[in-house]
Amino acid sequence: LSCAASGSIFSIVIMGWYRQAPGKQREFVALS
């Protein structure tokens, strides 16, 4: 997976991923 940020970007401290399966709450996957 890829995620590109654009717009008014100054300093992104954390970028990461979460996921949400059907019928479940969104959960943390990974961060950098």
Full PDB file with SEQRES, HELIX, SHEET, SSBOND, CRYST1, ORIGX, SCALE, CONECT and MASTER records, all heavy atoms in Angstrom:
SEQRES   1 A   32  LEU SER CYS ALA ALA SER GLY SER ILE PHE SER ILE VAL          
SEQRES   2 A   32  ILE MET GLY TRP TYR ARG GLN ALA PRO GLY LYS GLN ARG          
SEQRES   3 A   32  GLU PHE VAL ALA LEU SER                                      
SHEET    1 AA1 2 GLY A  16  ARG A  19  0                                        
SHEET    2 AA1 2 GLU A  27  LEU A  31 -1                                        
CRYST1    1.000    1.000    1.000  90.00  90.00  90.00 P 1           1          
ORIGX1      1.000000  0.000000  0.000000        0.00000                         
ORIGX2      0.000000  1.000000  0.000000        0.00000                         
ORIGX3      0.000000  0.000000  1.000000        0.00000                         
SCALE1      1.000000  0.000000  0.000000        0.00000                         
SCALE2      0.000000  1.000000  0.000000        0.00000                         
SCALE3      0.000000  0.000000  1.000000        0.00000                         
ATOM      1  N   LEU A   1       0.829  -1.191   0.000  1.00  0.00           N  
ATOM      2  CA  LEU A   1       0.000   0.000   0.000  1.00  0.00           C  
ATOM      3  C   LEU A   1       0.869   1.249   0.000  1.00  0.00           C  
ATOM      4  O   LEU A   1       1.956   1.258   0.595  1.00  0.00           O  
ATOM      5  CB  LEU A   1      -0.910   0.027   1.223  1.00  0.00           C  
ATOM      6  CG  LEU A   1      -1.797  -1.198   1.463  1.00  0.00           C  
ATOM      7  CD1 LEU A   1      -2.670  -0.971   2.694  1.00  0.00           C  
ATOM      8  CD2 LEU A   1      -2.635  -1.515   0.252  1.00  0.00           C  
ATOM      9  N   SER A   2       0.368   2.284  -0.656  1.00  0.00           N  
ATOM     10  CA  SER A   2       1.049   3.573  -0.668  1.00  0.00           C  
ATOM     11  C   SER A   2       0.079   4.652  -0.224  1.00  0.00           C  
ATOM     12  O   SER A   2      -1.131   4.548  -0.445  1.00  0.00           O  
ATOM     13  CB  SER A   2       1.549   3.900  -2.076  1.00  0.00           C  
ATOM     14  OG  SER A   2       2.443   2.933  -2.544  1.00  0.00           O  
ATOM     15  N   CYS A   3       0.616   5.671   0.394  1.00  0.00           N  
ATOM     16  CA  CYS A   3      -0.198   6.815   0.803  1.00  0.00           C  
ATOM     17  C   CYS A   3       0.619   8.079   0.587  1.00  0.00           C  
ATOM     18  O   CYS A   3       1.696   8.233   1.173  1.00  0.00           O  
ATOM     19  CB  CYS A   3      -0.599   6.691   2.261  1.00  0.00           C  
ATOM     20  SG  CYS A   3      -1.388   8.175   2.929  1.00  0.00           S  
ATOM     21  N   ALA A   4       0.108   8.950  -0.251  1.00  0.00           N  
ATOM     22  CA  ALA A   4       0.795  10.200  -0.547  1.00  0.00           C  
ATOM     23  C   ALA A   4       0.018  11.361   0.059  1.00  0.00           C  
ATOM     24  O   ALA A   4      -1.198  11.464  -0.125  1.00  0.00           O  
ATOM     25  CB  ALA A   4       0.918  10.381  -2.054  1.00  0.00           C  
ATOM     26  N   ALA A   5       0.729  12.212   0.754  1.00  0.00           N  
ATOM     27  CA  ALA A   5       0.125  13.404   1.353  1.00  0.00           C  
ATOM     28  C   ALA A   5       0.401  14.609   0.460  1.00  0.00           C  
ATOM     29  O   ALA A   5       1.494  14.753  -0.086  1.00  0.00           O  
ATOM     30  CB  ALA A   5       0.686  13.640   2.740  1.00  0.00           C  
ATOM     31  N   SER A   6      -0.602  15.455   0.328  1.00  0.00           N  
ATOM     32  CA  SER A   6      -0.439  16.677  -0.457  1.00  0.00           C  
ATOM     33  C   SER A   6      -1.242  17.798   0.194  1.00  0.00           C  
ATOM     34  O   SER A   6      -2.072  17.566   1.058  1.00  0.00           O  
ATOM     35  CB  SER A   6      -0.905  16.461  -1.896  1.00  0.00           C  
ATOM     36  OG  SER A   6      -2.284  16.145  -1.935  1.00  0.00           O  
ATOM     37  N   GLY A   7      -0.948  19.002  -0.246  1.00  0.00           N  
ATOM     38  CA  GLY A   7      -1.668  20.152   0.308  1.00  0.00           C  
ATOM     39  C   GLY A   7      -0.748  21.014   1.145  1.00  0.00           C  
ATOM     40  O   GLY A   7       0.440  21.142   0.869  1.00  0.00           O  
ATOM     41  N   SER A   8      -1.300  21.588   2.181  1.00  0.00           N  
ATOM     42  CA  SER A   8      -0.547  22.508   3.048  1.00  0.00           C  
ATOM     43  C   SER A   8       0.231  21.710   4.093  1.00  0.00           C  
ATOM     44  O   SER A   8      -0.152  21.619   5.252  1.00  0.00           O  
ATOM     45  CB  SER A   8      -1.503  23.490   3.717  1.00  0.00           C  
ATOM     46  OG  SER A   8      -2.226  24.223   2.753  1.00  0.00           O  
ATOM     47  N   ILE A   9       1.342  21.169   3.649  1.00  0.00           N  
ATOM     48  CA  ILE A   9       2.139  20.296   4.514  1.00  0.00           C  
ATOM     49  C   ILE A   9       3.290  21.072   5.098  1.00  0.00           C  
ATOM     50  O   ILE A   9       4.065  21.695   4.375  1.00  0.00           O  
ATOM     51  CB  ILE A   9       2.661  19.091   3.713  1.00  0.00           C  
ATOM     52  CG1 ILE A   9       1.491  18.248   3.211  1.00  0.00           C  
ATOM     53  CG2 ILE A   9       3.587  18.240   4.581  1.00  0.00           C  
ATOM     54  CD1 ILE A   9       1.907  17.187   2.232  1.00  0.00           C  
ATOM     55  N   PHE A  10       3.420  21.034   6.421  1.00  0.00           N  
ATOM     56  CA  PHE A  10       4.540  21.697   7.083  1.00  0.00           C  
ATOM     57  C   PHE A  10       5.512  20.664   7.639  1.00  0.00           C  
ATOM     58  O   PHE A  10       6.665  20.596   7.243  1.00  0.00           O  
ATOM     59  CB  PHE A  10       4.033  22.618   8.184  1.00  0.00           C  
ATOM     60  CG  PHE A  10       3.203  23.746   7.676  1.00  0.00           C  
ATOM     61  CD1 PHE A  10       1.821  23.704   7.721  1.00  0.00           C  
ATOM     62  CD2 PHE A  10       3.808  24.852   7.115  1.00  0.00           C  
ATOM     63  CE1 PHE A  10       1.055  24.745   7.226  1.00  0.00           C  
ATOM     64  CE2 PHE A  10       3.059  25.901   6.618  1.00  0.00           C  
ATOM     65  CZ  PHE A  10       1.677  25.837   6.675  1.00  0.00           C  
ATOM     66  N   SER A  11       5.052  19.869   8.540  1.00  0.00           N  
ATOM     67  CA  SER A  11       5.914  18.845   9.118  1.00  0.00           C  
ATOM     68  C   SER A  11       5.030  17.712   9.619  1.00  0.00           C  
ATOM     69  O   SER A  11       4.341  17.860  10.630  1.00  0.00           O  
ATOM     70  CB  SER A  11       6.750  19.421  10.258  1.00  0.00           C  
ATOM     71  OG  SER A  11       7.526  18.399  10.865  1.00  0.00           O  
ATOM     72  N   ILE A  12       5.059  16.622   8.905  1.00  0.00           N  
ATOM     73  CA  ILE A  12       4.257  15.471   9.322  1.00  0.00           C  
ATOM     74  C   ILE A  12       5.075  14.644  10.307  1.00  0.00           C  
ATOM     75  O   ILE A  12       6.090  14.065   9.948  1.00  0.00           O  
ATOM     76  CB  ILE A  12       3.840  14.622   8.116  1.00  0.00           C  
ATOM     77  CG1 ILE A  12       3.014  15.455   7.139  1.00  0.00           C  
ATOM     78  CG2 ILE A  12       3.046  13.410   8.586  1.00  0.00           C  
ATOM     79  CD1 ILE A  12       2.585  14.701   5.895  1.00  0.00           C  
ATOM     80  N   VAL A  13       4.608  14.616  11.536  1.00  0.00           N  
ATOM     81  CA  VAL A  13       5.359  13.940  12.592  1.00  0.00           C  
ATOM     82  C   VAL A  13       5.219  12.425  12.474  1.00  0.00           C  
ATOM     83  O   VAL A  13       6.186  11.683  12.593  1.00  0.00           O  
ATOM     84  CB  VAL A  13       4.864  14.409  13.970  1.00  0.00           C  
ATOM     85  CG1 VAL A  13       5.588  13.658  15.086  1.00  0.00           C  
ATOM     86  CG2 VAL A  13       5.070  15.913  14.125  1.00  0.00           C  
ATOM     87  N   ILE A  14       3.992  11.992  12.240  1.00  0.00           N  
ATOM     88  CA  ILE A  14       3.721  10.554  12.182  1.00  0.00           C  
ATOM     89  C   ILE A  14       2.899  10.258  10.927  1.00  0.00           C  
ATOM     90  O   ILE A  14       1.973  10.984  10.596  1.00  0.00           O  
ATOM     91  CB  ILE A  14       2.928  10.080  13.414  1.00  0.00           C  
ATOM     92  CG1 ILE A  14       3.739  10.287  14.692  1.00  0.00           C  
ATOM     93  CG2 ILE A  14       2.525   8.612  13.285  1.00  0.00           C  
ATOM     94  CD1 ILE A  14       2.959  10.022  15.963  1.00  0.00           C  
ATOM     95  N   MET A  15       3.265   9.205  10.247  1.00  0.00           N  
ATOM     96  CA  MET A  15       2.426   8.655   9.181  1.00  0.00           C  
ATOM     97  C   MET A  15       2.243   7.177   9.472  1.00  0.00           C  
ATOM     98  O   MET A  15       3.190   6.502   9.901  1.00  0.00           O  
ATOM     99  CB  MET A  15       3.046   8.853   7.798  1.00  0.00           C  
ATOM    100  CG  MET A  15       3.110  10.292   7.347  1.00  0.00           C  
ATOM    101  SD  MET A  15       3.540  10.480   5.603  1.00  0.00           S  
ATOM    102  CE  MET A  15       1.956  10.156   4.821  1.00  0.00           C  
ATOM    103  N   GLY A  16       1.050   6.705   9.257  1.00  0.00           N  
ATOM    104  CA  GLY A  16       0.815   5.312   9.578  1.00  0.00           C  
ATOM    105  C   GLY A  16      -0.432   4.765   8.947  1.00  0.00           C  
ATOM    106  O   GLY A  16      -1.047   5.407   8.077  1.00  0.00           O  
ATOM    107  N   TRP A  17      -0.795   3.572   9.395  1.00  0.00           N  
ATOM    108  CA  TRP A  17      -1.925   2.849   8.831  1.00  0.00           C  
ATOM    109  C   TRP A  17      -2.810   2.287   9.933  1.00  0.00           C  
ATOM    110  O   TRP A  17      -2.310   1.798  10.954  1.00  0.00           O  
ATOM    111  CB  TRP A  17      -1.422   1.701   7.954  1.00  0.00           C  
ATOM    112  CG  TRP A  17      -0.656   2.162   6.760  1.00  0.00           C  
ATOM    113  CD1 TRP A  17       0.684   2.383   6.678  1.00  0.00           C  
ATOM    114  CD2 TRP A  17      -1.206   2.471   5.473  1.00  0.00           C  
ATOM    115  NE1 TRP A  17       1.010   2.816   5.416  1.00  0.00           N  
ATOM    116  CE2 TRP A  17      -0.127   2.872   4.658  1.00  0.00           C  
ATOM    117  CE3 TRP A  17      -2.485   2.444   4.918  1.00  0.00           C  
ATOM    118  CZ2 TRP A  17      -0.301   3.245   3.320  1.00  0.00           C  
ATOM    119  CZ3 TRP A  17      -2.656   2.812   3.595  1.00  0.00           C  
ATOM    120  CH2 TRP A  17      -1.572   3.205   2.824  1.00  0.00           C  
ATOM    121  N   TYR A  18      -4.084   2.348   9.677  1.00  0.00           N  
ATOM    122  CA  TYR A  18      -5.094   1.705  10.505  1.00  0.00           C  
ATOM    123  C   TYR A  18      -5.956   0.858   9.581  1.00  0.00           C  
ATOM    124  O   TYR A  18      -5.910   1.026   8.354  1.00  0.00           O  
ATOM    125  CB  TYR A  18      -5.963   2.751  11.212  1.00  0.00           C  
ATOM    126  CG  TYR A  18      -5.261   3.473  12.327  1.00  0.00           C  
ATOM    127  CD1 TYR A  18      -4.242   4.387  12.074  1.00  0.00           C  
ATOM    128  CD2 TYR A  18      -5.618   3.252  13.658  1.00  0.00           C  
ATOM    129  CE1 TYR A  18      -3.592   5.045  13.105  1.00  0.00           C  
ATOM    130  CE2 TYR A  18      -4.980   3.915  14.700  1.00  0.00           C  
ATOM    131  CZ  TYR A  18      -3.971   4.806  14.410  1.00  0.00           C  
ATOM    132  OH  TYR A  18      -3.334   5.461  15.443  1.00  0.00           O  
ATOM    133  N   ARG A  19      -6.747  -0.018  10.166  1.00  0.00           N  
ATOM    134  CA  ARG A  19      -7.653  -0.820   9.347  1.00  0.00           C  
ATOM    135  C   ARG A  19      -8.962  -1.053  10.079  1.00  0.00           C  
ATOM    136  O   ARG A  19      -9.016  -1.024  11.300  1.00  0.00           O  
ATOM    137  CB  ARG A  19      -7.014  -2.151   8.957  1.00  0.00           C  
ATOM    138  CG  ARG A  19      -6.770  -3.107  10.116  1.00  0.00           C  
ATOM    139  CD  ARG A  19      -5.994  -4.326   9.632  1.00  0.00           C  
ATOM    140  NE  ARG A  19      -5.767  -5.286  10.719  1.00  0.00           N  
ATOM    141  CZ  ARG A  19      -5.017  -6.366  10.601  1.00  0.00           C  
ATOM    142  NH1 ARG A  19      -4.387  -6.631   9.450  1.00  0.00           N  
ATOM    143  NH2 ARG A  19      -4.883  -7.193  11.621  1.00  0.00           N  
ATOM    144  N   GLN A  20      -9.991  -1.304   9.276  1.00  0.00           N  
ATOM    145  CA  GLN A  20     -11.301  -1.571   9.846  1.00  0.00           C  
ATOM    146  C   GLN A  20     -11.953  -2.704   9.076  1.00  0.00           C  
ATOM    147  O   GLN A  20     -12.228  -2.579   7.872  1.00  0.00           O  
ATOM    148  CB  GLN A  20     -12.190  -0.326   9.807  1.00  0.00           C  
ATOM    149  CG  GLN A  20     -13.502  -0.497  10.539  1.00  0.00           C  
ATOM    150  CD  GLN A  20     -14.220   0.820  10.766  1.00  0.00           C  
ATOM    151  OE1 GLN A  20     -13.922   1.824  10.123  1.00  0.00           O  
ATOM    152  NE2 GLN A  20     -15.151   0.834  11.709  1.00  0.00           N  
ATOM    153  N   ALA A  21     -12.178  -3.796   9.780  1.00  0.00           N  
ATOM    154  CA  ALA A  21     -12.857  -4.949   9.200  1.00  0.00           C  
ATOM    155  C   ALA A  21     -14.363  -4.790   9.391  1.00  0.00           C  
ATOM    156  O   ALA A  21     -14.810  -4.070  10.295  1.00  0.00           O  
ATOM    157  CB  ALA A  21     -12.365  -6.231   9.860  1.00  0.00           C  
ATOM    158  N   PRO A  22     -15.156  -5.465   8.578  1.00  0.00           N  
ATOM    159  CA  PRO A  22     -16.615  -5.356   8.710  1.00  0.00           C  
ATOM    160  C   PRO A  22     -17.083  -5.715  10.115  1.00  0.00           C  
ATOM    161  O   PRO A  22     -16.685  -6.743  10.674  1.00  0.00           O  
ATOM    162  CB  PRO A  22     -17.130  -6.375   7.685  1.00  0.00           C  
ATOM    163  CG  PRO A  22     -16.049  -6.479   6.675  1.00  0.00           C  
ATOM    164  CD  PRO A  22     -14.772  -6.314   7.442  1.00  0.00           C  
ATOM    165  N   GLY A  23     -17.878  -4.848  10.700  1.00  0.00           N  
ATOM    166  CA  GLY A  23     -18.433  -5.091  12.021  1.00  0.00           C  
ATOM    167  C   GLY A  23     -17.477  -4.867  13.177  1.00  0.00           C  
ATOM    168  O   GLY A  23     -17.807  -5.158  14.324  1.00  0.00           O  
ATOM    169  N   LYS A  24     -16.279  -4.364  12.871  1.00  0.00           N  
ATOM    170  CA  LYS A  24     -15.279  -4.138  13.915  1.00  0.00           C  
ATOM    171  C   LYS A  24     -14.862  -2.679  13.944  1.00  0.00           C  
ATOM    172  O   LYS A  24     -15.066  -1.937  12.987  1.00  0.00           O  
ATOM    173  CB  LYS A  24     -14.060  -5.028  13.695  1.00  0.00           C  
ATOM    174  CG  LYS A  24     -14.342  -6.510  13.827  1.00  0.00           C  
ATOM    175  CD  LYS A  24     -13.063  -7.322  13.778  1.00  0.00           C  
ATOM    176  CE  LYS A  24     -13.335  -8.799  13.996  1.00  0.00           C  
ATOM    177  NZ  LYS A  24     -12.074  -9.592  13.976  1.00  0.00           N  
ATOM    178  N   GLN A  25     -14.230  -2.300  15.056  1.00  0.00           N  
ATOM    179  CA  GLN A  25     -13.735  -0.939  15.177  1.00  0.00           C  
ATOM    180  C   GLN A  25     -12.422  -0.785  14.422  1.00  0.00           C  
ATOM    181  O   GLN A  25     -11.693  -1.763  14.183  1.00  0.00           O  
ATOM    182  CB  GLN A  25     -13.523  -0.597  16.656  1.00  0.00           C  
ATOM    183  CG  GLN A  25     -14.818  -0.461  17.452  1.00  0.00           C  
ATOM    184  CD  GLN A  25     -14.580   0.086  18.844  1.00  0.00           C  
ATOM    185  OE1 GLN A  25     -13.494  -0.074  19.406  1.00  0.00           O  
ATOM    186  NE2 GLN A  25     -15.574   0.754  19.398  1.00  0.00           N  
ATOM    187  N   ARG A  26     -12.128   0.438  14.060  1.00  0.00           N  
ATOM    188  CA  ARG A  26     -10.855   0.725  13.407  1.00  0.00           C  
ATOM    189  C   ARG A  26      -9.727   0.427  14.390  1.00  0.00           C  
ATOM    190  O   ARG A  26      -9.802   0.777  15.570  1.00  0.00           O  
ATOM    191  CB  ARG A  26     -10.806   2.186  12.970  1.00  0.00           C  
ATOM    192  CG  ARG A  26      -9.646   2.516  12.062  1.00  0.00           C  
ATOM    193  CD  ARG A  26      -9.747   3.951  11.542  1.00  0.00           C  
ATOM    194  NE  ARG A  26     -10.936   4.151  10.709  1.00  0.00           N  
ATOM    195  CZ  ARG A  26     -11.139   5.248   9.999  1.00  0.00           C  
ATOM    196  NH1 ARG A  26     -10.243   6.241  10.012  1.00  0.00           N  
ATOM    197  NH2 ARG A  26     -12.236   5.371   9.291  1.00  0.00           N  
ATOM    198  N   GLU A  27      -8.675  -0.222  13.890  1.00  0.00           N  
ATOM    199  CA  GLU A  27      -7.557  -0.577  14.754  1.00  0.00           C  
ATOM    200  C   GLU A  27      -6.226  -0.141  14.154  1.00  0.00           C  
ATOM    201  O   GLU A  27      -6.064  -0.053  12.933  1.00  0.00           O  
ATOM    202  CB  GLU A  27      -7.533  -2.095  15.010  1.00  0.00           C  
ATOM    203  CG  GLU A  27      -7.288  -2.938  13.772  1.00  0.00           C  
ATOM    204  CD  GLU A  27      -7.181  -4.423  14.081  1.00  0.00           C  
ATOM    205  OE1 GLU A  27      -7.419  -4.832  15.236  1.00  0.00           O  
ATOM    206  OE2 GLU A  27      -6.847  -5.191  13.157  1.00  0.00           O  
ATOM    207  N   PHE A  28      -5.287   0.083  15.022  1.00  0.00           N  
ATOM    208  CA  PHE A  28      -3.932   0.481  14.625  1.00  0.00           C  
ATOM    209  C   PHE A  28      -3.225  -0.679  13.949  1.00  0.00           C  
ATOM    210  O   PHE A  28      -3.340  -1.834  14.372  1.00  0.00           O  
ATOM    211  CB  PHE A  28      -3.162   0.923  15.871  1.00  0.00           C  
ATOM    212  CG  PHE A  28      -1.682   1.042  15.675  1.00  0.00           C  
ATOM    213  CD1 PHE A  28      -1.148   2.108  14.969  1.00  0.00           C  
ATOM    214  CD2 PHE A  28      -0.819   0.076  16.180  1.00  0.00           C  
ATOM    215  CE1 PHE A  28       0.219   2.217  14.782  1.00  0.00           C  
ATOM    216  CE2 PHE A  28       0.537   0.173  16.005  1.00  0.00           C  
ATOM    217  CZ  PHE A  28       1.067   1.250  15.306  1.00  0.00           C  
ATOM    218  N   VAL A  29      -2.458  -0.362  12.896  1.00  0.00           N  
ATOM    219  CA  VAL A  29      -1.663  -1.373  12.203  1.00  0.00           C  
ATOM    220  C   VAL A  29      -0.167  -1.084  12.345  1.00  0.00           C  
ATOM    221  O   VAL A  29       0.597  -1.911  12.824  1.00  0.00           O  
ATOM    222  CB  VAL A  29      -2.024  -1.453  10.712  1.00  0.00           C  
ATOM    223  CG1 VAL A  29      -1.125  -2.445   9.981  1.00  0.00           C  
ATOM    224  CG2 VAL A  29      -3.491  -1.823  10.534  1.00  0.00           C  
ATOM    225  N   ALA A  30       0.247   0.117  11.923  1.00  0.00           N  
ATOM    226  CA  ALA A  30       1.674   0.442  11.939  1.00  0.00           C  
ATOM    227  C   ALA A  30       1.844   1.942  11.813  1.00  0.00           C  
ATOM    228  O   ALA A  30       0.974   2.641  11.291  1.00  0.00           O  
ATOM    229  CB  ALA A  30       2.404  -0.267  10.795  1.00  0.00           C  
ATOM    230  N   LEU A  31       2.997   2.430  12.292  1.00  0.00           N  
ATOM    231  CA  LEU A  31       3.313   3.839  12.137  1.00  0.00           C  
ATOM    232  C   LEU A  31       4.807   4.043  11.950  1.00  0.00           C  
ATOM    233  O   LEU A  31       5.624   3.190  12.318  1.00  0.00           O  
ATOM    234  CB  LEU A  31       2.802   4.657  13.326  1.00  0.00           C  
ATOM    235  CG  LEU A  31       3.429   4.437  14.704  1.00  0.00           C  
ATOM    236  CD1 LEU A  31       4.750   5.196  14.868  1.00  0.00           C  
ATOM    237  CD2 LEU A  31       2.459   4.926  15.780  1.00  0.00           C  
ATOM    238  N   SER A  32       5.119   5.196  11.387  1.00  0.00           N  
ATOM    239  CA  SER A  32       6.516   5.598  11.213  1.00  0.00           C  
ATOM    240  C   SER A  32       6.621   7.068  11.578  1.00  0.00           C  
ATOM    241  O   SER A  32       5.830   7.886  11.099  1.00  0.00           O  
ATOM    242  CB  SER A  32       6.948   5.383   9.759  1.00  0.00           C  
ATOM    243  OG  SER A  32       8.232   5.907   9.544  1.00  0.00           O  
TER     244      SER A  32                                                      
MASTER        0    0    0    0    2    0    0    6  243    1    0    3          
END                                                                             
